Amino acid sequence: MKRKKVRKKRHRELGGTLNDESTYLCDSCGEEIVVPIDLSAGDDQRYVEDCPVCCNPNVVSVMIYEDGEVRCWAESE
């Protein structure tokens, strides 16, 4: 999967299309993490998840846009 840097802020963001999974970069170790997308949880989601690689907690944000684009990013808790 080719990575695309969308914004250059404190967090890095990867884009996708409407499907059942997306990816984010762990803010602590930089690993690309695949996460399932729960479409029934709404268009604007935010939750805490431990990185499966380094075990540090991340605040994961998911935005689902009307055109089907999915944005997923994470920041350190």
N, C-alpha and C. Protein backbone atom coordinates (compact mmCIF):
# COMPACT_ATOMS: atom_id res chain seq x y z
N MET A 1 0.84 -1.17 0.00
CA MET A 1 0.00 0.00 0.00
C MET A 1 0.89 1.24 0.00
N LYS A 2 0.63 2.13 -0.90
CA LYS A 2 1.40 3.35 -0.99
C LYS A 2 0.85 4.38 -0.01
N ARG A 3 1.72 4.93 0.82
CA ARG A 3 1.30 5.92 1.82
C ARG A 3 1.21 7.30 1.20
N LYS A 4 0.25 8.06 1.65
CA LYS A 4 0.03 9.41 1.17
C LYS A 4 -0.07 10.34 2.36
N LYS A 5 0.84 11.30 2.45
CA LYS A 5 0.79 12.25 3.54
C LYS A 5 -0.23 13.32 3.19
N VAL A 6 -1.25 13.45 4.01
CA VAL A 6 -2.35 14.35 3.73
C VAL A 6 -2.15 15.70 4.40
N ARG A 7 -1.79 15.70 5.67
CA ARG A 7 -1.57 16.94 6.41
C ARG A 7 -0.23 16.86 7.13
N LYS A 8 0.39 17.99 7.31
CA LYS A 8 1.62 18.01 8.08
C LYS A 8 1.34 18.79 9.35
N LYS A 9 0.78 18.11 10.34
CA LYS A 9 0.49 18.69 11.64
C LYS A 9 1.13 17.78 12.68
N ARG A 10 0.60 17.84 13.90
CA ARG A 10 1.12 17.00 14.96
C ARG A 10 0.82 15.53 14.73
N HIS A 11 -0.21 15.25 13.97
CA HIS A 11 -0.53 13.87 13.64
C HIS A 11 -0.44 13.67 12.13
N ARG A 12 -0.21 12.44 11.75
CA ARG A 12 -0.18 12.09 10.34
C ARG A 12 -1.45 11.35 9.98
N GLU A 13 -1.89 11.52 8.78
CA GLU A 13 -3.19 11.01 8.38
C GLU A 13 -3.05 10.22 7.08
N LEU A 14 -3.75 9.14 6.98
CA LEU A 14 -3.81 8.36 5.75
C LEU A 14 -5.24 8.33 5.26
N GLY A 15 -5.42 8.33 3.97
CA GLY A 15 -6.77 8.33 3.42
C GLY A 15 -7.17 6.96 2.91
N GLY A 16 -8.42 6.82 2.57
CA GLY A 16 -8.93 5.58 2.03
C GLY A 16 -10.27 5.83 1.40
N THR A 17 -10.92 4.75 1.01
CA THR A 17 -12.27 4.85 0.49
C THR A 17 -13.18 4.06 1.40
N LEU A 18 -14.48 4.25 1.23
CA LEU A 18 -15.45 3.61 2.10
C LEU A 18 -15.35 2.09 1.99
N ASN A 19 -14.87 1.46 3.04
CA ASN A 19 -14.79 0.01 3.13
C ASN A 19 -14.78 -0.35 4.61
N ASP A 20 -14.39 -1.54 4.93
CA ASP A 20 -14.47 -1.96 6.32
C ASP A 20 -13.16 -1.84 7.09
N GLU A 21 -12.11 -1.25 6.49
CA GLU A 21 -10.87 -1.02 7.23
C GLU A 21 -10.11 0.17 6.68
N SER A 22 -9.22 0.70 7.52
CA SER A 22 -8.38 1.83 7.14
C SER A 22 -7.07 1.68 7.90
N THR A 23 -6.18 2.63 7.75
CA THR A 23 -4.89 2.58 8.43
C THR A 23 -4.55 3.92 9.05
N TYR A 24 -3.70 3.87 10.08
CA TYR A 24 -3.13 5.08 10.66
C TYR A 24 -1.68 4.78 11.02
N LEU A 25 -0.91 5.83 11.23
CA LEU A 25 0.46 5.69 11.67
C LEU A 25 0.51 5.93 13.18
N CYS A 26 1.08 4.98 13.91
CA CYS A 26 1.22 5.14 15.36
C CYS A 26 2.08 6.36 15.63
N ASP A 27 1.60 7.25 16.49
CA ASP A 27 2.32 8.47 16.81
C ASP A 27 3.59 8.19 17.62
N SER A 28 3.67 7.03 18.26
CA SER A 28 4.84 6.69 19.08
C SER A 28 5.93 5.96 18.29
N CYS A 29 5.56 4.91 17.56
CA CYS A 29 6.59 4.10 16.89
C CYS A 29 6.61 4.26 15.37
N GLY A 30 5.58 4.89 14.80
CA GLY A 30 5.57 5.13 13.35
C GLY A 30 5.08 3.98 12.50
N GLU A 31 4.69 2.88 13.13
CA GLU A 31 4.18 1.73 12.37
C GLU A 31 2.82 2.04 11.76
N GLU A 32 2.57 1.49 10.59
CA GLU A 32 1.26 1.61 9.96
C GLU A 32 0.35 0.53 10.55
N ILE A 33 -0.77 0.94 11.12
CA ILE A 33 -1.69 0.03 11.81
C ILE A 33 -3.01 -0.03 11.04
N VAL A 34 -3.47 -1.24 10.76
CA VAL A 34 -4.75 -1.45 10.08
C VAL A 34 -5.82 -1.59 11.15
N VAL A 35 -6.91 -0.83 11.00
CA VAL A 35 -8.02 -0.90 11.96
C VAL A 35 -9.32 -1.12 11.21
N PRO A 36 -10.24 -1.89 11.81
CA PRO A 36 -11.57 -2.04 11.20
C PRO A 36 -12.36 -0.75 11.36
N ILE A 37 -13.19 -0.43 10.40
CA ILE A 37 -14.05 0.74 10.45
C ILE A 37 -15.48 0.28 10.70
N ASP A 38 -16.06 0.76 11.79
CA ASP A 38 -17.45 0.44 12.13
C ASP A 38 -18.33 1.54 11.54
N LEU A 39 -18.91 1.27 10.38
CA LEU A 39 -19.73 2.27 9.69
C LEU A 39 -20.98 2.63 10.48
N SER A 40 -21.43 1.75 11.37
CA SER A 40 -22.63 2.03 12.16
C SER A 40 -22.35 2.98 13.33
N ALA A 41 -21.07 3.30 13.60
CA ALA A 41 -20.71 4.17 14.72
C ALA A 41 -20.75 5.65 14.37
N GLY A 42 -21.13 5.97 13.15
CA GLY A 42 -21.26 7.38 12.77
C GLY A 42 -20.13 7.86 11.88
N ASP A 43 -20.28 9.11 11.42
CA ASP A 43 -19.32 9.69 10.48
C ASP A 43 -18.11 10.30 11.16
N ASP A 44 -18.19 10.56 12.44
CA ASP A 44 -17.10 11.20 13.19
C ASP A 44 -16.85 10.35 14.45
N GLN A 45 -15.77 9.57 14.43
CA GLN A 45 -15.50 8.63 15.50
C GLN A 45 -14.18 8.98 16.18
N ARG A 46 -14.10 8.69 17.48
CA ARG A 46 -12.87 8.92 18.24
C ARG A 46 -12.84 7.90 19.38
N TYR A 47 -11.71 7.18 19.50
CA TYR A 47 -11.56 6.19 20.55
C TYR A 47 -10.09 5.96 20.87
N VAL A 48 -9.80 5.34 22.01
CA VAL A 48 -8.42 5.05 22.42
C VAL A 48 -8.13 3.59 22.13
N GLU A 49 -6.97 3.35 21.53
CA GLU A 49 -6.55 1.99 21.21
C GLU A 49 -5.05 1.88 21.42
N ASP A 50 -4.62 0.78 22.05
CA ASP A 50 -3.18 0.54 22.23
C ASP A 50 -2.59 0.06 20.91
N CYS A 51 -1.40 0.57 20.58
CA CYS A 51 -0.70 0.12 19.38
C CYS A 51 -0.32 -1.35 19.55
N PRO A 52 -0.62 -2.20 18.58
CA PRO A 52 -0.27 -3.62 18.71
C PRO A 52 1.23 -3.87 18.60
N VAL A 53 2.00 -2.88 18.18
CA VAL A 53 3.46 -3.04 18.04
C VAL A 53 4.19 -2.56 19.29
N CYS A 54 3.94 -1.31 19.72
CA CYS A 54 4.69 -0.74 20.85
C CYS A 54 3.87 -0.64 22.13
N CYS A 55 2.58 -0.95 22.08
CA CYS A 55 1.67 -0.97 23.23
C CYS A 55 1.35 0.41 23.82
N ASN A 56 1.76 1.49 23.17
CA ASN A 56 1.42 2.83 23.65
C ASN A 56 0.01 3.19 23.20
N PRO A 57 -0.74 3.90 24.05
CA PRO A 57 -2.11 4.26 23.69
C PRO A 57 -2.15 5.38 22.65
N ASN A 58 -3.07 5.25 21.72
CA ASN A 58 -3.32 6.25 20.68
C ASN A 58 -4.77 6.66 20.73
N VAL A 59 -5.03 7.95 20.52
CA VAL A 59 -6.40 8.42 20.31
C VAL A 59 -6.62 8.36 18.81
N VAL A 60 -7.46 7.44 18.38
CA VAL A 60 -7.72 7.21 16.96
C VAL A 60 -8.95 8.01 16.56
N SER A 61 -8.84 8.77 15.48
CA SER A 61 -9.96 9.54 14.94
C SER A 61 -10.27 9.03 13.54
N VAL A 62 -11.56 8.91 13.27
CA VAL A 62 -12.03 8.44 11.96
C VAL A 62 -13.09 9.41 11.46
N MET A 63 -12.94 9.87 10.24
CA MET A 63 -13.94 10.72 9.59
C MET A 63 -14.39 10.00 8.32
N ILE A 64 -15.69 9.90 8.14
CA ILE A 64 -16.25 9.31 6.93
C ILE A 64 -17.04 10.40 6.22
N TYR A 65 -16.62 10.74 5.02
CA TYR A 65 -17.23 11.83 4.26
C TYR A 65 -18.33 11.32 3.36
N GLU A 66 -19.22 12.23 2.94
CA GLU A 66 -20.36 11.87 2.10
C GLU A 66 -19.96 11.20 0.79
N ASP A 67 -18.79 11.58 0.25
CA ASP A 67 -18.35 11.00 -1.02
C ASP A 67 -17.71 9.61 -0.84
N GLY A 68 -17.70 9.10 0.41
CA GLY A 68 -17.17 7.77 0.67
C GLY A 68 -15.72 7.75 1.12
N GLU A 69 -15.07 8.91 1.15
CA GLU A 69 -13.68 8.97 1.58
C GLU A 69 -13.60 8.76 3.09
N VAL A 70 -12.61 7.96 3.51
CA VAL A 70 -12.39 7.68 4.93
C VAL A 70 -11.02 8.24 5.31
N ARG A 71 -10.96 9.00 6.38
CA ARG A 71 -9.69 9.51 6.92
C ARG A 71 -9.54 8.95 8.33
N CYS A 72 -8.37 8.43 8.59
CA CYS A 72 -8.08 7.84 9.89
C CYS A 72 -6.71 8.33 10.32
N TRP A 73 -6.58 8.82 11.56
CA TRP A 73 -5.31 9.28 12.08
C TRP A 73 -5.27 9.03 13.57
N ALA A 74 -4.07 9.15 14.15
CA ALA A 74 -3.91 8.91 15.58
C ALA A 74 -2.96 9.92 16.18
N GLU A 75 -3.19 10.22 17.46
CA GLU A 75 -2.33 11.07 18.24
C GLU A 75 -2.04 10.35 19.54
N SER A 76 -0.90 10.64 20.16
CA SER A 76 -0.60 10.04 21.47
C SER A 76 -1.64 10.48 22.48
N GLU A 77 -1.98 9.55 23.37
CA GLU A 77 -2.97 9.89 24.40
C GLU A 77 -2.38 10.83 25.42
